[in-house]
Amino acid sequence: MADISILQKEFGITFNDTALLEQALVHRSYLNENPGLASNSNERMEYLGDAILGLIVAENLYRDYPALDEGEMTKLRSVLVRRETLAHIAETIGLGNYIYLGKGEDTSGGRRKPANLASTLEAVIAAVYLDQGLAVAEEFITRLIDTELQKALNQHTIADYKSELQELIQSREQRIPSYHVTGVTGPDHGKTFTVEVRLGDTLLSTGSGKSKKTAETEAARSALKKFS
């Protein structure tokens, strides 16, 4: 089996039972060519990891972005758990180098196939959960998806509430709102920003998020509700 010590360092997790991590890396093509291997493929773990991933993503969106409605949370969750996103994350951390593949699958580029990368990542999530528990699995997943979440929030997934709020207020007041950071909490790798949106001295609303821009968007989204 592969040397998974480097992978554990990449994850920042030391497994109590490394056999769980090894099983998460076993593609069924490897078993087809090694029928005597005691381990199973990662398919059952993939099933569990998919469920855990969906739960943690949904919980994080619900907790950290209170201004998002059900439809917006659903869109974001679908972006974060889809195969393309998971494959990109897996490729970023070099997970393909550790997958146990049959020779034919390996020769055909199996280490870069989105399906293999995404399913292996889900199996790894299950391994982390089974070995370390839900709290560590949640922290692991949150670190994995953070960049993709910020990208989705800052690009096209969520409407441009700041522009919408500014246009609305300008049409009514001939003024523009201003945004002010009022708090920053959490460690450097997981800060949460709190922002107020004001019209002169009048507080319109507040918002919070994992980046200043996200917090401003949340504040604008909340303020728009008051004008509707």
C-alpha atoms as a PDB file:
ATOM      1  CA  MET A   1       0.000   0.000   0.000  1.00  0.00           C
ATOM      2  CA  ALA A   2       1.050   3.613  -0.505  1.00  0.00           C
ATOM      3  CA  ASP A   3       2.850   5.732   2.052  1.00  0.00           C
ATOM      4  CA  ILE A   4      -0.033   7.742   3.460  1.00  0.00           C
ATOM      5  CA  SER A   5       1.963   9.648   6.061  1.00  0.00           C
ATOM      6  CA  ILE A   6       2.371  12.599   3.678  1.00  0.00           C
ATOM      7  CA  LEU A   7      -1.351  12.582   2.979  1.00  0.00           C
ATOM      8  CA  GLN A   8      -2.096  12.682   6.697  1.00  0.00           C
ATOM      9  CA  LYS A   9       0.200  15.702   7.031  1.00  0.00           C
ATOM     10  CA  GLU A  10      -1.635  17.364   4.144  1.00  0.00           C
ATOM     11  CA  PHE A  11      -4.908  16.790   5.984  1.00  0.00           C
ATOM     12  CA  GLY A  12      -3.488  17.828   9.341  1.00  0.00           C
ATOM     13  CA  ILE A  13      -4.936  14.633  10.793  1.00  0.00           C
ATOM     14  CA  THR A  14      -3.197  11.648  12.361  1.00  0.00           C
ATOM     15  CA  PHE A  15      -5.430   8.604  11.997  1.00  0.00           C
ATOM     16  CA  ASN A  16      -5.870   6.191  14.860  1.00  0.00           C
ATOM     17  CA  ASP A  17      -6.665   3.445  12.357  1.00  0.00           C
ATOM     18  CA  THR A  18      -4.802   4.058   9.114  1.00  0.00           C
ATOM     19  CA  ALA A  19      -6.585   1.096   7.546  1.00  0.00           C
ATOM     20  CA  LEU A  20      -9.662   3.307   7.234  1.00  0.00           C
ATOM     21  CA  LEU A  21      -7.750   5.858   5.193  1.00  0.00           C
ATOM     22  CA  GLU A  22      -6.189   3.133   3.067  1.00  0.00           C
ATOM     23  CA  GLN A  23      -9.582   1.606   2.307  1.00  0.00           C
ATOM     24  CA  ALA A  24     -10.894   5.040   1.290  1.00  0.00           C
ATOM     25  CA  LEU A  25      -8.235   5.088  -1.427  1.00  0.00           C
ATOM     26  CA  VAL A  26      -9.041   1.677  -2.950  1.00  0.00           C
ATOM     27  CA  HIS A  27     -10.790   1.876  -6.328  1.00  0.00           C
ATOM     28  CA  ARG A  28     -12.712  -1.228  -7.388  1.00  0.00           C
ATOM     29  CA  SER A  29     -10.388  -1.725 -10.377  1.00  0.00           C
ATOM     30  CA  TYR A  30      -7.544  -2.396  -7.952  1.00  0.00           C
ATOM     31  CA  LEU A  31      -9.498  -5.193  -6.285  1.00  0.00           C
ATOM     32  CA  ASN A  32     -10.338  -6.734  -9.661  1.00  0.00           C
ATOM     33  CA  GLU A  33      -6.604  -7.191 -10.284  1.00  0.00           C
ATOM     34  CA  ASN A  34      -5.804  -8.124  -6.682  1.00  0.00           C
ATOM     35  CA  PRO A  35      -8.622 -10.521  -5.704  1.00  0.00           C
ATOM     36  CA  GLY A  36      -6.774 -11.807  -2.642  1.00  0.00           C
ATOM     37  CA  LEU A  37      -6.645  -8.395  -0.993  1.00  0.00           C
ATOM     38  CA  ALA A  38      -8.402  -8.382   2.357  1.00  0.00           C
ATOM     39  CA  SER A  39      -9.632  -4.781   1.958  1.00  0.00           C
ATOM     40  CA  ASN A  40     -12.856  -3.736   0.250  1.00  0.00           C
ATOM     41  CA  SER A  41     -13.225  -0.951  -2.300  1.00  0.00           C
ATOM     42  CA  ASN A  42     -14.111   2.565  -1.191  1.00  0.00           C
ATOM     43  CA  GLU A  43     -17.660   2.483  -2.582  1.00  0.00           C
ATOM     44  CA  ARG A  44     -19.467   1.984   0.737  1.00  0.00           C
ATOM     45  CA  MET A  45     -17.355   4.713   2.307  1.00  0.00           C
ATOM     46  CA  GLU A  46     -18.156   6.978  -0.634  1.00  0.00           C
ATOM     47  CA  TYR A  47     -21.852   6.566   0.164  1.00  0.00           C
ATOM     48  CA  LEU A  48     -21.320   7.566   3.800  1.00  0.00           C
ATOM     49  CA  GLY A  49     -19.004  10.442   2.909  1.00  0.00           C
ATOM     50  CA  ASP A  50     -21.527  11.873   0.476  1.00  0.00           C
ATOM     51  CA  ALA A  51     -24.160  11.994   3.236  1.00  0.00           C
ATOM     52  CA  ILE A  52     -21.769  13.583   5.756  1.00  0.00           C
ATOM     53  CA  LEU A  53     -20.609  16.166   3.226  1.00  0.00           C
ATOM     54  CA  GLY A  54     -24.168  17.175   2.410  1.00  0.00           C
ATOM     55  CA  LEU A  55     -25.046  17.533   6.087  1.00  0.00           C
ATOM     56  CA  ILE A  56     -22.010  19.645   6.981  1.00  0.00           C
ATOM     57  CA  VAL A  57     -22.358  21.922   3.958  1.00  0.00           C
ATOM     58  CA  ALA A  58     -26.062  22.469   4.697  1.00  0.00           C
ATOM     59  CA  GLU A  59     -25.366  23.156   8.377  1.00  0.00           C
ATOM     60  CA  ASN A  60     -22.565  25.621   7.617  1.00  0.00           C
ATOM     61  CA  LEU A  61     -24.696  27.533   5.134  1.00  0.00           C
ATOM     62  CA  TYR A  62     -27.605  27.666   7.563  1.00  0.00           C
ATOM     63  CA  ARG A  63     -25.445  28.785  10.488  1.00  0.00           C
ATOM     64  CA  ASP A  64     -22.953  31.133   8.823  1.00  0.00           C
ATOM     65  CA  TYR A  65     -25.179  32.845   6.247  1.00  0.00           C
ATOM     66  CA  PRO A  66     -28.487  33.667   7.962  1.00  0.00           C
ATOM     67  CA  ALA A  67     -29.580  36.072   5.213  1.00  0.00           C
ATOM     68  CA  LEU A  68     -29.679  33.316   2.570  1.00  0.00           C
ATOM     69  CA  ASP A  69     -33.094  31.883   1.824  1.00  0.00           C
ATOM     70  CA  GLU A  70     -33.818  28.221   1.129  1.00  0.00           C
ATOM     71  CA  GLY A  71     -33.396  28.544  -2.626  1.00  0.00           C
ATOM     72  CA  GLU A  72     -30.029  30.284  -2.337  1.00  0.00           C
ATOM     73  CA  MET A  73     -28.735  27.716   0.148  1.00  0.00           C
ATOM     74  CA  THR A  74     -29.864  24.932  -2.162  1.00  0.00           C
ATOM     75  CA  LYS A  75     -27.995  26.477  -5.103  1.00  0.00           C
ATOM     76  CA  LEU A  76     -24.827  26.898  -3.081  1.00  0.00           C
ATOM     77  CA  ARG A  77     -24.967  23.378  -1.682  1.00  0.00           C
ATOM     78  CA  SER A  78     -25.392  21.921  -5.167  1.00  0.00           C
ATOM     79  CA  VAL A  79     -22.345  23.860  -6.370  1.00  0.00           C
ATOM     80  CA  LEU A  80     -20.211  22.638  -3.468  1.00  0.00           C
ATOM     81  CA  VAL A  81     -21.128  18.936  -3.532  1.00  0.00           C
ATOM     82  CA  ARG A  82     -21.210  18.373  -7.295  1.00  0.00           C
ATOM     83  CA  ARG A  83     -18.643  16.094  -8.915  1.00  0.00           C
ATOM     84  CA  GLU A  84     -16.729  18.874 -10.679  1.00  0.00           C
ATOM     85  CA  THR A  85     -16.142  20.831  -7.472  1.00  0.00           C
ATOM     86  CA  LEU A  86     -15.093  17.785  -5.467  1.00  0.00           C
ATOM     87  CA  ALA A  87     -12.767  16.623  -8.253  1.00  0.00           C
ATOM     88  CA  HIS A  88     -11.130  20.060  -8.357  1.00  0.00           C
ATOM     89  CA  ILE A  89     -10.598  20.016  -4.584  1.00  0.00           C
ATOM     90  CA  ALA A  90      -9.178  16.491  -4.732  1.00  0.00           C
ATOM     91  CA  GLU A  91      -6.807  17.458  -7.532  1.00  0.00           C
ATOM     92  CA  THR A  92      -5.677  20.536  -5.600  1.00  0.00           C
ATOM     93  CA  ILE A  93      -4.572  18.418  -2.636  1.00  0.00           C
ATOM     94  CA  GLY A  94      -2.969  15.786  -4.879  1.00  0.00           C
ATOM     95  CA  LEU A  95      -5.350  13.018  -3.859  1.00  0.00           C
ATOM     96  CA  GLY A  96      -5.094  11.302  -7.227  1.00  0.00           C
ATOM     97  CA  ASN A  97      -1.496  10.311  -6.475  1.00  0.00           C
ATOM     98  CA  TYR A  98      -2.690   8.085  -3.635  1.00  0.00           C
ATOM     99  CA  ILE A  99      -5.600   6.217  -5.231  1.00  0.00           C
ATOM    100  CA  TYR A 100      -5.091   2.458  -5.604  1.00  0.00           C
ATOM    101  CA  LEU A 101      -6.027   1.737  -9.210  1.00  0.00           C
ATOM    102  CA  GLY A 102      -5.852  -1.267 -11.463  1.00  0.00           C
ATOM    103  CA  LYS A 103      -3.197  -1.043 -14.180  1.00  0.00           C
ATOM    104  CA  GLY A 104      -5.737  -0.533 -16.934  1.00  0.00           C
ATOM    105  CA  GLU A 105      -7.536   2.244 -15.084  1.00  0.00           C
ATOM    106  CA  ASP A 106      -4.246   3.880 -14.184  1.00  0.00           C
ATOM    107  CA  THR A 107      -2.966   3.732 -17.767  1.00  0.00           C
ATOM    108  CA  SER A 108      -6.178   5.325 -19.059  1.00  0.00           C
ATOM    109  CA  GLY A 109      -5.673   8.384 -16.864  1.00  0.00           C
ATOM    110  CA  GLY A 110      -7.737   7.209 -13.921  1.00  0.00           C
ATOM    111  CA  ARG A 111      -5.909   9.406 -11.448  1.00  0.00           C
ATOM    112  CA  ARG A 112      -7.289  12.513 -13.133  1.00  0.00           C
ATOM    113  CA  LYS A 113     -10.802  11.318 -13.885  1.00  0.00           C
ATOM    114  CA  PRO A 114     -13.336  13.536 -12.087  1.00  0.00           C
ATOM    115  CA  ALA A 115     -15.468  10.544 -11.061  1.00  0.00           C
ATOM    116  CA  ASN A 116     -12.530   8.793  -9.396  1.00  0.00           C
ATOM    117  CA  LEU A 117     -11.290  11.945  -7.678  1.00  0.00           C
ATOM    118  CA  ALA A 118     -14.712  12.982  -6.381  1.00  0.00           C
ATOM    119  CA  SER A 119     -15.674   9.541  -5.115  1.00  0.00           C
ATOM    120  CA  THR A 120     -12.316   9.073  -3.400  1.00  0.00           C
ATOM    121  CA  LEU A 121     -12.630  12.424  -1.664  1.00  0.00           C
ATOM    122  CA  GLU A 122     -16.064  11.443  -0.362  1.00  0.00           C
ATOM    123  CA  ALA A 123     -14.621   8.161   0.900  1.00  0.00           C
ATOM    124  CA  VAL A 124     -11.808  10.036   2.647  1.00  0.00           C
ATOM    125  CA  ILE A 125     -14.409  12.229   4.359  1.00  0.00           C
ATOM    126  CA  ALA A 126     -16.074   9.051   5.630  1.00  0.00           C
ATOM    127  CA  ALA A 127     -12.729   7.744   6.865  1.00  0.00           C
ATOM    128  CA  VAL A 128     -12.094  10.961   8.790  1.00  0.00           C
ATOM    129  CA  TYR A 129     -15.569  10.758  10.326  1.00  0.00           C
ATOM    130  CA  LEU A 130     -15.233   7.088  11.316  1.00  0.00           C
ATOM    131  CA  ASP A 131     -11.777   7.572  12.804  1.00  0.00           C
ATOM    132  CA  GLN A 132     -11.997  11.051  14.340  1.00  0.00           C
ATOM    133  CA  GLY A 133     -15.687  11.806  14.848  1.00  0.00           C
ATOM    134  CA  LEU A 134     -18.097  14.409  13.539  1.00  0.00           C
ATOM    135  CA  ALA A 135     -16.386  17.525  14.955  1.00  0.00           C
ATOM    136  CA  VAL A 136     -13.072  16.785  13.219  1.00  0.00           C
ATOM    137  CA  ALA A 137     -14.886  15.781  10.026  1.00  0.00           C
ATOM    138  CA  GLU A 138     -16.736  19.105  10.057  1.00  0.00           C
ATOM    139  CA  GLU A 139     -13.497  21.072  10.473  1.00  0.00           C
ATOM    140  CA  PHE A 140     -11.887  19.024   7.691  1.00  0.00           C
ATOM    141  CA  ILE A 141     -14.778  19.584   5.286  1.00  0.00           C
ATOM    142  CA  THR A 142     -14.973  23.285   6.097  1.00  0.00           C
ATOM    143  CA  ARG A 143     -11.284  23.705   5.231  1.00  0.00           C
ATOM    144  CA  LEU A 144     -11.703  21.745   2.015  1.00  0.00           C
ATOM    145  CA  ILE A 145     -14.643  23.735   0.673  1.00  0.00           C
ATOM    146  CA  ASP A 146     -13.792  27.226   1.924  1.00  0.00           C
ATOM    147  CA  THR A 147     -12.138  28.475  -1.274  1.00  0.00           C
ATOM    148  CA  GLU A 148     -14.908  27.087  -3.479  1.00  0.00           C
ATOM    149  CA  LEU A 149     -17.564  28.560  -1.186  1.00  0.00           C
ATOM    150  CA  GLN A 150     -16.040  32.026  -1.304  1.00  0.00           C
ATOM    151  CA  LYS A 151     -15.728  31.741  -5.085  1.00  0.00           C
ATOM    152  CA  ALA A 152     -19.389  30.798  -5.409  1.00  0.00           C
ATOM    153  CA  LEU A 153     -20.492  33.614  -3.124  1.00  0.00           C
ATOM    154  CA  ASN A 154     -18.329  36.238  -4.799  1.00  0.00           C
ATOM    155  CA  GLN A 155     -19.090  35.325  -8.392  1.00  0.00           C
ATOM    156  CA  HIS A 156     -22.393  34.408  -9.932  1.00  0.00           C
ATOM    157  CA  THR A 157     -24.181  32.159  -7.502  1.00  0.00           C
ATOM    158  CA  ILE A 158     -25.682  34.883  -5.315  1.00  0.00           C
ATOM    159  CA  ALA A 159     -27.295  38.046  -6.652  1.00  0.00           C
ATOM    160  CA  ASP A 160     -25.433  41.364  -6.385  1.00  0.00           C
ATOM    161  CA  TYR A 161     -27.332  42.655  -3.382  1.00  0.00           C
ATOM    162  CA  LYS A 162     -24.935  45.569  -2.809  1.00  0.00           C
ATOM    163  CA  SER A 163     -25.634  47.051  -6.231  1.00  0.00           C
ATOM    164  CA  GLU A 164     -29.356  46.428  -5.837  1.00  0.00           C
ATOM    165  CA  LEU A 165     -29.405  48.188  -2.448  1.00  0.00           C
ATOM    166  CA  GLN A 166     -27.374  51.132  -3.733  1.00  0.00           C
ATOM    167  CA  GLU A 167     -29.661  51.629  -6.736  1.00  0.00           C
ATOM    168  CA  LEU A 168     -32.747  51.464  -4.536  1.00  0.00           C
ATOM    169  CA  ILE A 169     -31.460  53.992  -2.001  1.00  0.00           C
ATOM    170  CA  GLN A 170     -30.125  56.347  -4.656  1.00  0.00           C
ATOM    171  CA  SER A 171     -33.532  56.418  -6.334  1.00  0.00           C
ATOM    172  CA  ARG A 172     -35.220  57.282  -3.045  1.00  0.00           C
ATOM    173  CA  GLU A 173     -32.665  59.287  -1.076  1.00  0.00           C
ATOM    174  CA  GLN A 174     -30.097  60.499  -3.644  1.00  0.00           C
ATOM    175  CA  ARG A 175     -27.452  59.080  -1.324  1.00  0.00           C
ATOM    176  CA  ILE A 176     -25.446  55.865  -1.197  1.00  0.00           C
ATOM    177  CA  PRO A 177     -25.013  53.436   1.720  1.00  0.00           C
ATOM    178  CA  SER A 178     -21.659  52.812   3.393  1.00  0.00           C
ATOM    179  CA  TYR A 179     -20.220  49.625   4.882  1.00  0.00           C
ATOM    180  CA  HIS A 180     -18.222  49.384   8.091  1.00  0.00           C
ATOM    181  CA  VAL A 181     -16.435  46.382   9.614  1.00  0.00           C
ATOM    182  CA  THR A 182     -17.447  46.212  13.272  1.00  0.00           C
ATOM    183  CA  GLY A 183     -15.862  42.931  14.295  1.00  0.00           C
ATOM    184  CA  VAL A 184     -13.480  40.156  13.295  1.00  0.00           C
ATOM    185  CA  THR A 185     -13.443  36.889  15.219  1.00  0.00           C
ATOM    186  CA  GLY A 186     -11.797  33.505  14.881  1.00  0.00           C
ATOM    187  CA  PRO A 187      -8.319  32.275  13.901  1.00  0.00           C
ATOM    188  CA  ASP A 188      -6.444  33.522  10.836  1.00  0.00           C
ATOM    189  CA  HIS A 189      -7.527  30.531   8.736  1.00  0.00           C
ATOM    190  CA  GLY A 190     -11.177  30.850   9.720  1.00  0.00           C
ATOM    191  CA  LYS A 191     -12.068  34.467  10.449  1.00  0.00           C
ATOM    192  CA  THR A 192     -15.650  35.709  10.607  1.00  0.00           C
ATOM    193  CA  PHE A 193     -16.310  39.341   9.682  1.00  0.00           C
ATOM    194  CA  THR A 194     -19.229  41.428  10.945  1.00  0.00           C
ATOM    195  CA  VAL A 195     -20.246  44.436   8.850  1.00  0.00           C
ATOM    196  CA  GLU A 196     -22.812  47.210   9.286  1.00  0.00           C
ATOM    197  CA  VAL A 197     -24.433  48.964   6.331  1.00  0.00           C
ATOM    198  CA  ARG A 198     -25.427  52.541   7.112  1.00  0.00           C
ATOM    199  CA  LEU A 199     -27.108  55.467   5.427  1.00  0.00           C
ATOM    200  CA  GLY A 200     -25.423  58.406   7.076  1.00  0.00           C
ATOM    201  CA  ASP A 201     -25.833  57.824  10.807  1.00  0.00           C
ATOM    202  CA  THR A 202     -28.736  55.406  10.342  1.00  0.00           C
ATOM    203  CA  LEU A 203     -28.014  51.698  10.754  1.00  0.00           C
ATOM    204  CA  LEU A 204     -29.787  49.765   8.012  1.00  0.00           C
ATOM    205  CA  SER A 205     -28.637  46.257   8.855  1.00  0.00           C
ATOM    206  CA  THR A 206     -25.706  43.993   9.746  1.00  0.00           C
ATOM    207  CA  GLY A 207     -24.213  40.916   8.153  1.00  0.00           C
ATOM    208  CA  SER A 208     -21.502  38.359   8.795  1.00  0.00           C
ATOM    209  CA  GLY A 209     -19.402  36.051   6.682  1.00  0.00           C
ATOM    210  CA  LYS A 210     -16.048  34.398   6.140  1.00  0.00           C
ATOM    211  CA  SER A 211     -14.769  37.368   4.143  1.00  0.00           C
ATOM    212  CA  LYS A 212     -15.408  41.115   4.242  1.00  0.00           C
ATOM    213  CA  LYS A 213     -17.139  40.993   0.867  1.00  0.00           C
ATOM    214  CA  THR A 214     -19.420  38.169   1.958  1.00  0.00           C
ATOM    215  CA  ALA A 215     -20.340  40.034   5.150  1.00  0.00           C
ATOM    216  CA  GLU A 216     -21.156  43.159   3.119  1.00  0.00           C
ATOM    217  CA  THR A 217     -23.325  41.079   0.796  1.00  0.00           C
ATOM    218  CA  GLU A 218     -25.157  39.619   3.788  1.00  0.00           C
ATOM    219  CA  ALA A 219     -25.714  43.092   5.247  1.00  0.00           C
ATOM    220  CA  ALA A 220     -27.082  44.380   1.941  1.00  0.00           C
ATOM    221  CA  ARG A 221     -29.307  41.306   1.557  1.00  0.00           C
ATOM    222  CA  SER A 222     -30.735  41.849   5.030  1.00  0.00           C
ATOM    223  CA  ALA A 223     -31.254  45.588   4.429  1.00  0.00           C
ATOM    224  CA  LEU A 224     -33.151  44.925   1.205  1.00  0.00           C
ATOM    225  CA  LYS A 225     -35.683  42.838   3.117  1.00  0.00           C
ATOM    226  CA  LYS A 226     -36.581  45.919   5.170  1.00  0.00           C
ATOM    227  CA  PHE A 227     -37.324  47.915   2.019  1.00  0.00           C
ATOM    228  CA  SER A 228     -39.468  45.211   0.427  1.00  0.00           C
END
